[in-house]
Amino acid sequence: MFDAEALIQYGGLLAVLLAIYGQTGLFFCFFIPSGAFLFAAGVMVANGLFAHGFLTLCCLGVAACVLGNITGYLIGYKAGPLLYRRSESKFFKQQHLTAASDFYKKYGAWALSLGVFFPLIRTFGPIVAGIIRVKFSRLLLFSFAGSVVWITSFAFAGYLIGSMPFLQPYLNYVVVGIVVVVTIPVAAKIILGVRKKAAVSAVSPAAQESE
């Protein structure tokens, strides 16, 4: 859907930061592969094709991620109930919000730090935190910790692979592979969760009738 490297060559560091902020802060930008942008930026830093250094990329990337989490939190805090009543569209699915809520219930506050590694949770986790009124200081602490690990790991992975010349012809496949590997488990979990709830809903009326 996105050629991350081409967009970075055109938009530079700003394109990377907007991708990170958009996916972590704006629910209608959940589809943006910010991990691919980070990875591609790391590759370009290694090849001398990026106007900024690795440290600058990571520091500003963490700042963009934390700001995105704060934005998502505020959206949930102010408009959470409205989102649950919002009609579905191409850029908003109720199951995404439900999946984030289930993830948060399972992992608690750690979901704010662990969630950044999962595309959909990365977007909707902070919204759920806002809906249930998590303490703002707790949000900052866990989102900062998660952002540091996520940003540096993805950027460093790109930098490491970009430093290996024999992999250069396959970089696009590597980026796509990483995004797919990270996304498939979450997508599968959401689909299974939705089917399970649908099955329970279908069984309940039948059980009531039998009574």
C-alpha atoms as a PDB file:
ATOM      1  CA  MET A   1       0.000   0.000   0.000  1.00  0.00           C
ATOM      2  CA  PHE A   2       2.921   2.311   0.753  1.00  0.00           C
ATOM      3  CA  ASP A   3       6.402   2.529  -0.700  1.00  0.00           C
ATOM      4  CA  ALA A   4       7.971   3.706   2.551  1.00  0.00           C
ATOM      5  CA  GLU A   5      11.399   4.363   1.074  1.00  0.00           C
ATOM      6  CA  ALA A   6      10.014   6.494  -1.765  1.00  0.00           C
ATOM      7  CA  LEU A   7       7.854   8.509   0.632  1.00  0.00           C
ATOM      8  CA  ILE A   8      10.809   9.064   2.947  1.00  0.00           C
ATOM      9  CA  GLN A   9      12.964  10.207   0.047  1.00  0.00           C
ATOM     10  CA  TYR A  10      10.248  12.730  -0.792  1.00  0.00           C
ATOM     11  CA  GLY A  11       9.202  13.812   2.702  1.00  0.00           C
ATOM     12  CA  GLY A  12      12.335  13.079   4.718  1.00  0.00           C
ATOM     13  CA  LEU A  13      12.194  12.860   8.490  1.00  0.00           C
ATOM     14  CA  LEU A  14       8.820  14.621   8.524  1.00  0.00           C
ATOM     15  CA  ALA A  15       7.232  11.732   6.607  1.00  0.00           C
ATOM     16  CA  VAL A  16       8.506   9.239   9.201  1.00  0.00           C
ATOM     17  CA  LEU A  17       7.307  11.319  12.144  1.00  0.00           C
ATOM     18  CA  LEU A  18       3.876  11.915  10.616  1.00  0.00           C
ATOM     19  CA  ALA A  19       3.493   8.180   9.957  1.00  0.00           C
ATOM     20  CA  ILE A  20       4.343   7.386  13.581  1.00  0.00           C
ATOM     21  CA  TYR A  21       2.139  10.109  15.013  1.00  0.00           C
ATOM     22  CA  GLY A  22      -0.766   9.313  12.681  1.00  0.00           C
ATOM     23  CA  GLN A  23      -0.868   5.599  13.459  1.00  0.00           C
ATOM     24  CA  THR A  24      -0.448   6.024  17.221  1.00  0.00           C
ATOM     25  CA  GLY A  25      -2.730   9.034  17.653  1.00  0.00           C
ATOM     26  CA  LEU A  26      -5.472   9.110  15.016  1.00  0.00           C
ATOM     27  CA  PHE A  27      -7.849   6.148  14.793  1.00  0.00           C
ATOM     28  CA  PHE A  28      -8.557   6.756  11.103  1.00  0.00           C
ATOM     29  CA  CYS A  29      -4.833   6.336  10.341  1.00  0.00           C
ATOM     30  CA  PHE A  30      -4.597   2.812  11.792  1.00  0.00           C
ATOM     31  CA  PHE A  31      -3.617   1.398   8.388  1.00  0.00           C
ATOM     32  CA  ILE A  32      -0.382   3.409   8.081  1.00  0.00           C
ATOM     33  CA  PRO A  33       2.598   1.006   8.350  1.00  0.00           C
ATOM     34  CA  SER A  34       4.717   3.185  10.638  1.00  0.00           C
ATOM     35  CA  GLY A  35       6.925   0.191  11.450  1.00  0.00           C
ATOM     36  CA  ALA A  36       7.855  -0.042   7.781  1.00  0.00           C
ATOM     37  CA  PHE A  37       8.695   3.670   7.749  1.00  0.00           C
ATOM     38  CA  LEU A  38      10.969   3.223  10.759  1.00  0.00           C
ATOM     39  CA  PHE A  39      12.654   0.194   9.257  1.00  0.00           C
ATOM     40  CA  ALA A  40      13.167   1.903   5.892  1.00  0.00           C
ATOM     41  CA  ALA A  41      14.546   5.013   7.605  1.00  0.00           C
ATOM     42  CA  GLY A  42      17.042   2.842   9.479  1.00  0.00           C
ATOM     43  CA  VAL A  43      18.140   1.288   6.197  1.00  0.00           C
ATOM     44  CA  MET A  44      18.586   4.724   4.627  1.00  0.00           C
ATOM     45  CA  VAL A  45      20.622   5.969   7.602  1.00  0.00           C
ATOM     46  CA  ALA A  46      22.972   3.003   7.164  1.00  0.00           C
ATOM     47  CA  ASN A  47      23.343   3.790   3.462  1.00  0.00           C
ATOM     48  CA  GLY A  48      23.896   7.503   3.968  1.00  0.00           C
ATOM     49  CA  LEU A  49      20.647   8.350   2.172  1.00  0.00           C
ATOM     50  CA  PHE A  50      18.968  10.000   5.165  1.00  0.00           C
ATOM     51  CA  ALA A  51      19.613  13.630   6.048  1.00  0.00           C
ATOM     52  CA  HIS A  52      19.637  12.882   9.786  1.00  0.00           C
ATOM     53  CA  GLY A  53      21.542  10.552  12.071  1.00  0.00           C
ATOM     54  CA  PHE A  54      20.309   7.439  13.839  1.00  0.00           C
ATOM     55  CA  LEU A  55      20.070   9.159  17.236  1.00  0.00           C
ATOM     56  CA  THR A  56      17.975  12.015  15.817  1.00  0.00           C
ATOM     57  CA  LEU A  57      15.656   9.522  14.127  1.00  0.00           C
ATOM     58  CA  CYS A  58      15.133   7.593  17.367  1.00  0.00           C
ATOM     59  CA  CYS A  59      14.718  10.597  19.674  1.00  0.00           C
ATOM     60  CA  LEU A  60      12.213  12.385  17.453  1.00  0.00           C
ATOM     61  CA  GLY A  61      10.492   9.090  16.676  1.00  0.00           C
ATOM     62  CA  VAL A  62       9.948   8.449  20.383  1.00  0.00           C
ATOM     63  CA  ALA A  63       8.611  12.003  20.801  1.00  0.00           C
ATOM     64  CA  ALA A  64       6.172  11.497  17.898  1.00  0.00           C
ATOM     65  CA  CYS A  65       5.006   8.180  19.345  1.00  0.00           C
ATOM     66  CA  VAL A  66       4.429   9.607  22.824  1.00  0.00           C
ATOM     67  CA  LEU A  67       2.554  12.585  21.369  1.00  0.00           C
ATOM     68  CA  GLY A  68       0.452  10.176  19.335  1.00  0.00           C
ATOM     69  CA  ASN A  69      -0.372   8.188  22.471  1.00  0.00           C
ATOM     70  CA  ILE A  70      -1.381  11.377  24.263  1.00  0.00           C
ATOM     71  CA  THR A  71      -3.617  12.360  21.341  1.00  0.00           C
ATOM     72  CA  GLY A  72      -5.284   8.946  21.285  1.00  0.00           C
ATOM     73  CA  TYR A  73      -5.743   9.095  25.059  1.00  0.00           C
ATOM     74  CA  LEU A  74      -7.427  12.507  24.828  1.00  0.00           C
ATOM     75  CA  ILE A  75      -9.707  11.271  22.044  1.00  0.00           C
ATOM     76  CA  GLY A  76     -10.767   8.351  24.214  1.00  0.00           C
ATOM     77  CA  TYR A  77     -11.113  10.538  27.291  1.00  0.00           C
ATOM     78  CA  LYS A  78     -13.316  13.097  25.556  1.00  0.00           C
ATOM     79  CA  ALA A  79     -15.170  11.081  22.939  1.00  0.00           C
ATOM     80  CA  GLY A  80     -14.895   7.421  23.979  1.00  0.00           C
ATOM     81  CA  PRO A  81     -18.643   6.687  24.298  1.00  0.00           C
ATOM     82  CA  LEU A  82     -19.258   8.331  20.920  1.00  0.00           C
ATOM     83  CA  LEU A  83     -16.727   5.999  19.283  1.00  0.00           C
ATOM     84  CA  TYR A  84     -18.599   2.937  20.554  1.00  0.00           C
ATOM     85  CA  ARG A  85     -21.770   4.314  18.957  1.00  0.00           C
ATOM     86  CA  ARG A  86     -20.021   5.440  15.785  1.00  0.00           C
ATOM     87  CA  SER A  87     -21.115   3.694  12.596  1.00  0.00           C
ATOM     88  CA  GLU A  88     -18.474   1.617  10.859  1.00  0.00           C
ATOM     89  CA  SER A  89     -16.671   2.882   7.784  1.00  0.00           C
ATOM     90  CA  LYS A  90     -13.633   2.128   5.678  1.00  0.00           C
ATOM     91  CA  PHE A  91     -11.423   3.884   8.233  1.00  0.00           C
ATOM     92  CA  PHE A  92     -13.133   2.718  11.428  1.00  0.00           C
ATOM     93  CA  LYS A  93     -14.149  -0.742  12.594  1.00  0.00           C
ATOM     94  CA  GLN A  94     -15.749  -1.521  15.937  1.00  0.00           C
ATOM     95  CA  GLN A  95     -13.799  -4.786  16.194  1.00  0.00           C
ATOM     96  CA  HIS A  96     -10.539  -2.818  16.269  1.00  0.00           C
ATOM     97  CA  LEU A  97     -11.692  -0.961  19.365  1.00  0.00           C
ATOM     98  CA  THR A  98     -12.969  -4.189  20.897  1.00  0.00           C
ATOM     99  CA  ALA A  99      -9.668  -5.965  20.198  1.00  0.00           C
ATOM    100  CA  ALA A 100      -7.739  -3.146  21.878  1.00  0.00           C
ATOM    101  CA  SER A 101     -10.078  -3.285  24.855  1.00  0.00           C
ATOM    102  CA  ASP A 102      -9.605  -7.068  25.211  1.00  0.00           C
ATOM    103  CA  PHE A 103      -5.838  -6.655  24.892  1.00  0.00           C
ATOM    104  CA  TYR A 104      -5.875  -4.019  27.618  1.00  0.00           C
ATOM    105  CA  LYS A 105      -7.972  -6.213  29.932  1.00  0.00           C
ATOM    106  CA  LYS A 106      -5.515  -9.065  29.453  1.00  0.00           C
ATOM    107  CA  TYR A 107      -2.277  -7.148  29.929  1.00  0.00           C
ATOM    108  CA  GLY A 108      -3.413  -4.196  32.042  1.00  0.00           C
ATOM    109  CA  ALA A 109      -1.247  -1.092  32.029  1.00  0.00           C
ATOM    110  CA  TRP A 110       1.496  -3.008  30.233  1.00  0.00           C
ATOM    111  CA  ALA A 111      -0.719  -2.855  27.161  1.00  0.00           C
ATOM    112  CA  LEU A 112       0.398   0.748  26.737  1.00  0.00           C
ATOM    113  CA  SER A 113       4.003  -0.351  26.316  1.00  0.00           C
ATOM    114  CA  LEU A 114       3.490  -3.777  24.719  1.00  0.00           C
ATOM    115  CA  GLY A 115       0.748  -2.535  22.409  1.00  0.00           C
ATOM    116  CA  VAL A 116       3.057  -0.447  20.232  1.00  0.00           C
ATOM    117  CA  PHE A 117       4.435  -3.669  18.745  1.00  0.00           C
ATOM    118  CA  PHE A 118       1.008  -4.595  17.341  1.00  0.00           C
ATOM    119  CA  PRO A 119      -0.401  -2.392  14.542  1.00  0.00           C
ATOM    120  CA  LEU A 120      -4.068  -2.172  15.569  1.00  0.00           C
ATOM    121  CA  ILE A 121      -3.376  -2.081  19.304  1.00  0.00           C
ATOM    122  CA  ARG A 122      -0.811   0.643  18.621  1.00  0.00           C
ATOM    123  CA  THR A 123      -3.654   2.862  17.433  1.00  0.00           C
ATOM    124  CA  PHE A 124      -6.585   1.909  19.628  1.00  0.00           C
ATOM    125  CA  GLY A 125      -4.803   1.052  22.905  1.00  0.00           C
ATOM    126  CA  PRO A 126      -4.345   4.699  23.984  1.00  0.00           C
ATOM    127  CA  ILE A 127      -7.998   5.396  23.097  1.00  0.00           C
ATOM    128  CA  VAL A 128      -9.121   2.601  25.406  1.00  0.00           C
ATOM    129  CA  ALA A 129      -6.813   3.981  28.128  1.00  0.00           C
ATOM    130  CA  GLY A 130      -8.570   7.323  27.769  1.00  0.00           C
ATOM    131  CA  ILE A 131     -12.022   5.763  27.846  1.00  0.00           C
ATOM    132  CA  ILE A 132     -11.354   3.967  31.137  1.00  0.00           C
ATOM    133  CA  ARG A 133      -9.613   7.052  32.584  1.00  0.00           C
ATOM    134  CA  VAL A 134      -6.107   5.673  33.153  1.00  0.00           C
ATOM    135  CA  LYS A 135      -3.982   8.129  35.142  1.00  0.00           C
ATOM    136  CA  PHE A 136      -2.196  10.469  32.747  1.00  0.00           C
ATOM    137  CA  SER A 137       1.144   9.996  34.531  1.00  0.00           C
ATOM    138  CA  ARG A 138       0.790   6.233  34.072  1.00  0.00           C
ATOM    139  CA  LEU A 139       0.053   6.715  30.391  1.00  0.00           C
ATOM    140  CA  LEU A 140       3.187   8.826  29.958  1.00  0.00           C
ATOM    141  CA  LEU A 141       5.395   6.345  31.807  1.00  0.00           C
ATOM    142  CA  PHE A 142       4.301   3.214  29.986  1.00  0.00           C
ATOM    143  CA  SER A 143       3.911   4.807  26.561  1.00  0.00           C
ATOM    144  CA  PHE A 144       7.379   6.349  26.826  1.00  0.00           C
ATOM    145  CA  ALA A 145       8.932   3.018  27.820  1.00  0.00           C
ATOM    146  CA  GLY A 146       7.183   1.183  24.998  1.00  0.00           C
ATOM    147  CA  SER A 147       8.009   3.904  22.476  1.00  0.00           C
ATOM    148  CA  VAL A 148      11.719   3.781  23.271  1.00  0.00           C
ATOM    149  CA  VAL A 149      11.896   0.012  22.784  1.00  0.00           C
ATOM    150  CA  TRP A 150       9.708  -0.064  19.671  1.00  0.00           C
ATOM    151  CA  ILE A 151      11.312   2.878  17.870  1.00  0.00           C
ATOM    152  CA  THR A 152      14.913   1.853  18.552  1.00  0.00           C
ATOM    153  CA  SER A 153      14.356  -1.840  17.763  1.00  0.00           C
ATOM    154  CA  PHE A 154      12.678  -1.238  14.394  1.00  0.00           C
ATOM    155  CA  ALA A 155      15.088   1.512  13.388  1.00  0.00           C
ATOM    156  CA  PHE A 156      18.104  -0.537  14.477  1.00  0.00           C
ATOM    157  CA  ALA A 157      16.822  -3.603  12.603  1.00  0.00           C
ATOM    158  CA  GLY A 158      16.680  -1.483   9.451  1.00  0.00           C
ATOM    159  CA  TYR A 159      20.107  -0.024  10.145  1.00  0.00           C
ATOM    160  CA  LEU A 160      21.579  -3.481  10.706  1.00  0.00           C
ATOM    161  CA  ILE A 161      20.131  -4.956   7.521  1.00  0.00           C
ATOM    162  CA  GLY A 162      20.993  -1.795   5.578  1.00  0.00           C
ATOM    163  CA  SER A 163      24.607  -2.353   6.606  1.00  0.00           C
ATOM    164  CA  MET A 164      24.614  -5.701   4.785  1.00  0.00           C
ATOM    165  CA  PRO A 165      25.172  -4.975   1.058  1.00  0.00           C
ATOM    166  CA  PHE A 166      24.166  -8.466  -0.099  1.00  0.00           C
ATOM    167  CA  LEU A 167      20.621  -7.839   1.185  1.00  0.00           C
ATOM    168  CA  GLN A 168      20.138  -4.588  -0.742  1.00  0.00           C
ATOM    169  CA  PRO A 169      18.228  -6.163  -3.694  1.00  0.00           C
ATOM    170  CA  TYR A 170      15.752  -7.746  -1.267  1.00  0.00           C
ATOM    171  CA  LEU A 171      15.062  -4.827   1.069  1.00  0.00           C
ATOM    172  CA  ASN A 172      11.502  -4.221  -0.147  1.00  0.00           C
ATOM    173  CA  TYR A 173      10.662  -7.881   0.477  1.00  0.00           C
ATOM    174  CA  VAL A 174      12.233  -7.717   3.932  1.00  0.00           C
ATOM    175  CA  VAL A 175      10.151  -4.657   4.875  1.00  0.00           C
ATOM    176  CA  VAL A 176       6.932  -6.264   3.638  1.00  0.00           C
ATOM    177  CA  GLY A 177       7.837  -9.496   5.432  1.00  0.00           C
ATOM    178  CA  ILE A 178       8.347  -7.726   8.754  1.00  0.00           C
ATOM    179  CA  VAL A 179       5.027  -5.891   8.478  1.00  0.00           C
ATOM    180  CA  VAL A 180       3.200  -9.126   7.573  1.00  0.00           C
ATOM    181  CA  VAL A 181       4.822 -11.143  10.378  1.00  0.00           C
ATOM    182  CA  VAL A 182       3.865  -8.484  12.944  1.00  0.00           C
ATOM    183  CA  THR A 183       0.346  -7.966  11.584  1.00  0.00           C
ATOM    184  CA  ILE A 184      -0.886 -11.524  10.913  1.00  0.00           C
ATOM    185  CA  PRO A 185      -1.006 -12.743  14.558  1.00  0.00           C
ATOM    186  CA  VAL A 186      -3.030  -9.694  15.637  1.00  0.00           C
ATOM    187  CA  ALA A 187      -5.368  -9.900  12.639  1.00  0.00           C
ATOM    188  CA  ALA A 188      -5.906 -13.619  13.273  1.00  0.00           C
ATOM    189  CA  LYS A 189      -6.657 -12.968  16.957  1.00  0.00           C
ATOM    190  CA  ILE A 190      -9.202 -10.277  16.048  1.00  0.00           C
ATOM    191  CA  ILE A 191     -10.938 -12.511  13.506  1.00  0.00           C
ATOM    192  CA  LEU A 192     -11.105 -15.425  15.958  1.00  0.00           C
ATOM    193  CA  GLY A 193     -12.393 -13.111  18.692  1.00  0.00           C
ATOM    194  CA  VAL A 194     -15.121 -11.685  16.462  1.00  0.00           C
ATOM    195  CA  ARG A 195     -16.192 -15.176  15.322  1.00  0.00           C
ATOM    196  CA  LYS A 196     -16.251 -16.430  18.907  1.00  0.00           C
ATOM    197  CA  LYS A 197     -18.460 -13.533  20.030  1.00  0.00           C
ATOM    198  CA  ALA A 198     -20.735 -14.044  17.033  1.00  0.00           C
ATOM    199  CA  ALA A 199     -21.061 -17.738  17.906  1.00  0.00           C
ATOM    200  CA  VAL A 200     -21.865 -16.923  21.539  1.00  0.00           C
ATOM    201  CA  SER A 201     -24.467 -14.370  20.448  1.00  0.00           C
ATOM    202  CA  ALA A 202     -26.060 -16.915  18.142  1.00  0.00           C
ATOM    203  CA  VAL A 203     -26.156 -19.616  20.819  1.00  0.00           C
ATOM    204  CA  SER A 204     -27.589 -17.410  23.588  1.00  0.00           C
ATOM    205  CA  PRO A 205     -31.011 -16.724  21.972  1.00  0.00           C
ATOM    206  CA  ALA A 206     -31.310 -20.421  21.111  1.00  0.00           C
ATOM    207  CA  ALA A 207     -30.566 -21.389  24.711  1.00  0.00           C
ATOM    208  CA  GLN A 208     -33.159 -18.933  25.985  1.00  0.00           C
ATOM    209  CA  GLU A 209     -35.804 -20.331  23.638  1.00  0.00           C
ATOM    210  CA  SER A 210     -35.084 -23.873  24.772  1.00  0.00           C
ATOM    211  CA  GLU A 211     -35.675 -22.790  28.360  1.00  0.00           C
END
